[in-house]
């Protein structure tokens, strides 16, 4: 992280949005059950057993869980208002519009846009020690 160069806010926000938009998908993937259904063991050949498939499912699930936790930890580091905006915009099952967020937090829609812009930059700093930051 080079703090002497100016931050490319546009690209940083774009990177942040990509990660936050993946959250719901990662959450579903992390909660997906892995079963051994159909893996009955007997002396009759039924086809090829592929333990790698199960292993890969478990690894994907654990990776998704880890990524979800890292996103949530970064969100927890934000200021309360920005945290609430990120949660309402990206993390809840039903994502809210700026208008709905503004009504809930008692701010104008334009103010929510500005707060969200700040929140995205704050998140980029908090997530994995600034991994999302892009410098000019």
Foldseek 3Di string as FASTA:
>chain_A
DDPVFAWPLVQLLVLLVVLLQCLVVLVCLLPDDQDPPPVDDDDDDDDDDDVVVSVVSVVSNVVSVVSNVLLVQLLVPDDPLLSVLSCQQRPDPDHDQLCVSCVVVVHHSVVSVVSPSVSSVSSCCSRPNNPSIDGD
